[in-house]
Amino acid sequence: MTSLIDVIFLLLLFFMLSSTFTRFAEVELAAAGGGAGTSETRPVYLSLGMQTLRLNGEEHALDDVAVTLNETKFEGDGLPVIVALRAEVTAQRLTDLLAVLRGVPDITVTVLEAT
């Protein structure tokens, strides 16, 4: 008769070897560094609500933000983007916005606390 500890050990090995550890989606976040001086480029202000998205005060759809930001930035210059969150914004809504912004090259995104 097999002892209970042997059965538990075999089950543990089976589940450890048969499971996969994959990451479904990642959003890279970096902590703010020290001030490196002022930039000549004016930042773009994004106000994110649960149903609304305003880019410099103008209403936009989530899918149109990448196109508008590509038109806004100048050749060779990075574009700072400041994202202000409303209190009702969920983490999924913020993640959707960050996924869209990831497709825009040469931007620096700063997320402010919810108000």
C-alpha atoms as a PDB file:
ATOM      1  CA  MET A   1       0.000   0.000   0.000  1.00  0.00           C
ATOM      2  CA  THR A   2       1.376   3.377  -1.040  1.00  0.00           C
ATOM      3  CA  SER A   3       1.698   6.065   1.556  1.00  0.00           C
ATOM      4  CA  LEU A   4      -0.282   9.275   1.215  1.00  0.00           C
ATOM      5  CA  ILE A   5       2.814  11.475   0.961  1.00  0.00           C
ATOM      6  CA  ASP A   6       3.965   9.587  -2.144  1.00  0.00           C
ATOM      7  CA  VAL A   7       0.631  10.135  -3.865  1.00  0.00           C
ATOM      8  CA  ILE A   8       0.657  13.843  -3.011  1.00  0.00           C
ATOM      9  CA  PHE A   9       4.214  14.160  -4.277  1.00  0.00           C
ATOM     10  CA  LEU A  10       3.318  12.492  -7.585  1.00  0.00           C
ATOM     11  CA  LEU A  11       0.270  14.729  -8.019  1.00  0.00           C
ATOM     12  CA  LEU A  12       2.379  17.777  -7.293  1.00  0.00           C
ATOM     13  CA  LEU A  13       4.931  16.742  -9.901  1.00  0.00           C
ATOM     14  CA  PHE A  14       2.225  16.036 -12.459  1.00  0.00           C
ATOM     15  CA  PHE A  15       0.553  19.434 -12.052  1.00  0.00           C
ATOM     16  CA  MET A  16       3.838  21.325 -12.016  1.00  0.00           C
ATOM     17  CA  LEU A  17       5.063  19.689 -15.214  1.00  0.00           C
ATOM     18  CA  SER A  18       1.778  19.860 -17.096  1.00  0.00           C
ATOM     19  CA  SER A  19       0.967  23.525 -16.412  1.00  0.00           C
ATOM     20  CA  THR A  20       2.193  26.418 -18.501  1.00  0.00           C
ATOM     21  CA  PHE A  21       3.261  29.781 -17.184  1.00  0.00           C
ATOM     22  CA  THR A  22       2.586  32.295 -19.918  1.00  0.00           C
ATOM     23  CA  ARG A  23       1.799  35.949 -19.780  1.00  0.00           C
ATOM     24  CA  PHE A  24      -1.302  36.916 -21.697  1.00  0.00           C
ATOM     25  CA  ALA A  25      -0.625  40.653 -21.981  1.00  0.00           C
ATOM     26  CA  GLU A  26       1.873  43.065 -20.567  1.00  0.00           C
ATOM     27  CA  VAL A  27       1.881  46.808 -20.230  1.00  0.00           C
ATOM     28  CA  GLU A  28       5.273  48.274 -19.491  1.00  0.00           C
ATOM     29  CA  LEU A  29       5.253  50.954 -16.824  1.00  0.00           C
ATOM     30  CA  ALA A  30       8.286  52.909 -15.737  1.00  0.00           C
ATOM     31  CA  ALA A  31       8.714  55.042 -12.654  1.00  0.00           C
ATOM     32  CA  ALA A  32       9.310  58.739 -13.139  1.00  0.00           C
ATOM     33  CA  GLY A  33      12.928  59.782 -13.072  1.00  0.00           C
ATOM     34  CA  GLY A  34      14.542  62.997 -11.976  1.00  0.00           C
ATOM     35  CA  GLY A  35      13.910  66.201 -13.867  1.00  0.00           C
ATOM     36  CA  ALA A  36      16.229  66.410 -16.859  1.00  0.00           C
ATOM     37  CA  GLY A  37      15.277  69.901 -17.982  1.00  0.00           C
ATOM     38  CA  THR A  38      12.506  71.392 -19.995  1.00  0.00           C
ATOM     39  CA  SER A  39      11.523  70.322 -23.451  1.00  0.00           C
ATOM     40  CA  GLU A  40      10.650  72.585 -26.354  1.00  0.00           C
ATOM     41  CA  THR A  41       7.745  70.320 -27.346  1.00  0.00           C
ATOM     42  CA  ARG A  42       4.379  71.090 -25.768  1.00  0.00           C
ATOM     43  CA  PRO A  43       2.747  68.022 -24.210  1.00  0.00           C
ATOM     44  CA  VAL A  44      -0.539  66.592 -25.435  1.00  0.00           C
ATOM     45  CA  TYR A  45      -3.249  66.363 -22.768  1.00  0.00           C
ATOM     46  CA  LEU A  46      -5.509  63.277 -22.760  1.00  0.00           C
ATOM     47  CA  SER A  47      -8.509  63.200 -20.428  1.00  0.00           C
ATOM     48  CA  LEU A  48      -9.822  59.653 -20.049  1.00  0.00           C
ATOM     49  CA  GLY A  49     -13.354  59.003 -18.805  1.00  0.00           C
ATOM     50  CA  MET A  50     -15.331  55.793 -18.788  1.00  0.00           C
ATOM     51  CA  GLN A  51     -17.239  56.724 -21.964  1.00  0.00           C
ATOM     52  CA  THR A  52     -15.245  59.744 -23.153  1.00  0.00           C
ATOM     53  CA  LEU A  53     -11.753  60.485 -24.393  1.00  0.00           C
ATOM     54  CA  ARG A  54     -10.657  64.067 -24.919  1.00  0.00           C
ATOM     55  CA  LEU A  55      -7.438  64.973 -26.690  1.00  0.00           C
ATOM     56  CA  ASN A  56      -6.517  68.605 -25.949  1.00  0.00           C
ATOM     57  CA  GLY A  57     -10.184  69.288 -25.179  1.00  0.00           C
ATOM     58  CA  GLU A  58     -11.609  67.695 -28.341  1.00  0.00           C
ATOM     59  CA  GLU A  59     -13.687  64.526 -28.200  1.00  0.00           C
ATOM     60  CA  HIS A  60     -12.131  61.502 -29.956  1.00  0.00           C
ATOM     61  CA  ALA A  61     -12.786  57.791 -30.300  1.00  0.00           C
ATOM     62  CA  LEU A  62     -10.271  55.407 -28.779  1.00  0.00           C
ATOM     63  CA  ASP A  63      -9.257  54.020 -32.179  1.00  0.00           C
ATOM     64  CA  ASP A  64      -8.642  57.499 -33.659  1.00  0.00           C
ATOM     65  CA  VAL A  65      -6.158  58.616 -30.997  1.00  0.00           C
ATOM     66  CA  ALA A  66      -3.145  56.928 -32.615  1.00  0.00           C
ATOM     67  CA  VAL A  67      -3.812  58.588 -35.968  1.00  0.00           C
ATOM     68  CA  THR A  68      -4.293  62.002 -34.349  1.00  0.00           C
ATOM     69  CA  LEU A  69      -1.083  61.694 -32.318  1.00  0.00           C
ATOM     70  CA  ASN A  70       0.896  60.696 -35.410  1.00  0.00           C
ATOM     71  CA  GLU A  71      -0.362  63.844 -37.129  1.00  0.00           C
ATOM     72  CA  THR A  72       0.422  66.012 -34.076  1.00  0.00           C
ATOM     73  CA  LYS A  73       4.080  65.103 -33.562  1.00  0.00           C
ATOM     74  CA  PHE A  74       6.908  66.630 -35.543  1.00  0.00           C
ATOM     75  CA  GLU A  75       9.644  64.824 -37.449  1.00  0.00           C
ATOM     76  CA  GLY A  76      12.315  63.407 -35.143  1.00  0.00           C
ATOM     77  CA  ASP A  77      10.846  64.907 -31.964  1.00  0.00           C
ATOM     78  CA  GLY A  78       9.396  62.847 -29.165  1.00  0.00           C
ATOM     79  CA  LEU A  79       5.906  63.800 -28.065  1.00  0.00           C
ATOM     80  CA  PRO A  80       5.050  63.931 -24.349  1.00  0.00           C
ATOM     81  CA  VAL A  81       1.511  62.716 -23.609  1.00  0.00           C
ATOM     82  CA  ILE A  82      -0.139  63.401 -20.244  1.00  0.00           C
ATOM     83  CA  VAL A  83      -3.078  61.133 -19.395  1.00  0.00           C
ATOM     84  CA  ALA A  84      -5.479  62.360 -16.701  1.00  0.00           C
ATOM     85  CA  LEU A  85      -7.916  59.787 -15.357  1.00  0.00           C
ATOM     86  CA  ARG A  86     -11.410  60.462 -14.067  1.00  0.00           C
ATOM     87  CA  ALA A  87     -12.504  58.691 -10.888  1.00  0.00           C
ATOM     88  CA  GLU A  88     -14.789  56.200 -12.649  1.00  0.00           C
ATOM     89  CA  VAL A  89     -12.143  54.862 -15.069  1.00  0.00           C
ATOM     90  CA  THR A  90     -11.455  51.148 -14.711  1.00  0.00           C
ATOM     91  CA  ALA A  91      -8.084  49.471 -15.086  1.00  0.00           C
ATOM     92  CA  GLN A  92      -9.296  47.762 -18.280  1.00  0.00           C
ATOM     93  CA  ARG A  93     -10.170  51.118 -19.888  1.00  0.00           C
ATOM     94  CA  LEU A  94      -6.703  52.470 -19.019  1.00  0.00           C
ATOM     95  CA  THR A  95      -5.073  49.308 -20.382  1.00  0.00           C
ATOM     96  CA  ASP A  96      -7.019  49.666 -23.646  1.00  0.00           C
ATOM     97  CA  LEU A  97      -5.738  53.239 -24.005  1.00  0.00           C
ATOM     98  CA  LEU A  98      -2.149  52.243 -23.219  1.00  0.00           C
ATOM     99  CA  ALA A  99      -2.346  49.435 -25.783  1.00  0.00           C
ATOM    100  CA  VAL A 100      -3.419  51.964 -28.437  1.00  0.00           C
ATOM    101  CA  LEU A 101      -0.674  54.395 -27.390  1.00  0.00           C
ATOM    102  CA  ARG A 102       1.928  51.626 -27.606  1.00  0.00           C
ATOM    103  CA  GLY A 103       1.455  51.629 -31.391  1.00  0.00           C
ATOM    104  CA  VAL A 104       2.528  55.283 -31.676  1.00  0.00           C
ATOM    105  CA  PRO A 105       6.324  55.626 -31.981  1.00  0.00           C
ATOM    106  CA  ASP A 106       8.378  58.260 -30.143  1.00  0.00           C
ATOM    107  CA  ILE A 107       5.904  59.268 -27.444  1.00  0.00           C
ATOM    108  CA  THR A 108       6.396  59.499 -23.697  1.00  0.00           C
ATOM    109  CA  VAL A 109       3.267  58.705 -21.685  1.00  0.00           C
ATOM    110  CA  THR A 110       2.716  60.045 -18.155  1.00  0.00           C
ATOM    111  CA  VAL A 111      -0.373  58.840 -16.277  1.00  0.00           C
ATOM    112  CA  LEU A 112      -1.725  61.119 -13.550  1.00  0.00           C
ATOM    113  CA  GLU A 113      -3.723  59.940 -10.554  1.00  0.00           C
ATOM    114  CA  ALA A 114      -7.494  59.762 -10.836  1.00  0.00           C
ATOM    115  CA  THR A 115      -9.409  62.860  -9.775  1.00  0.00           C
END
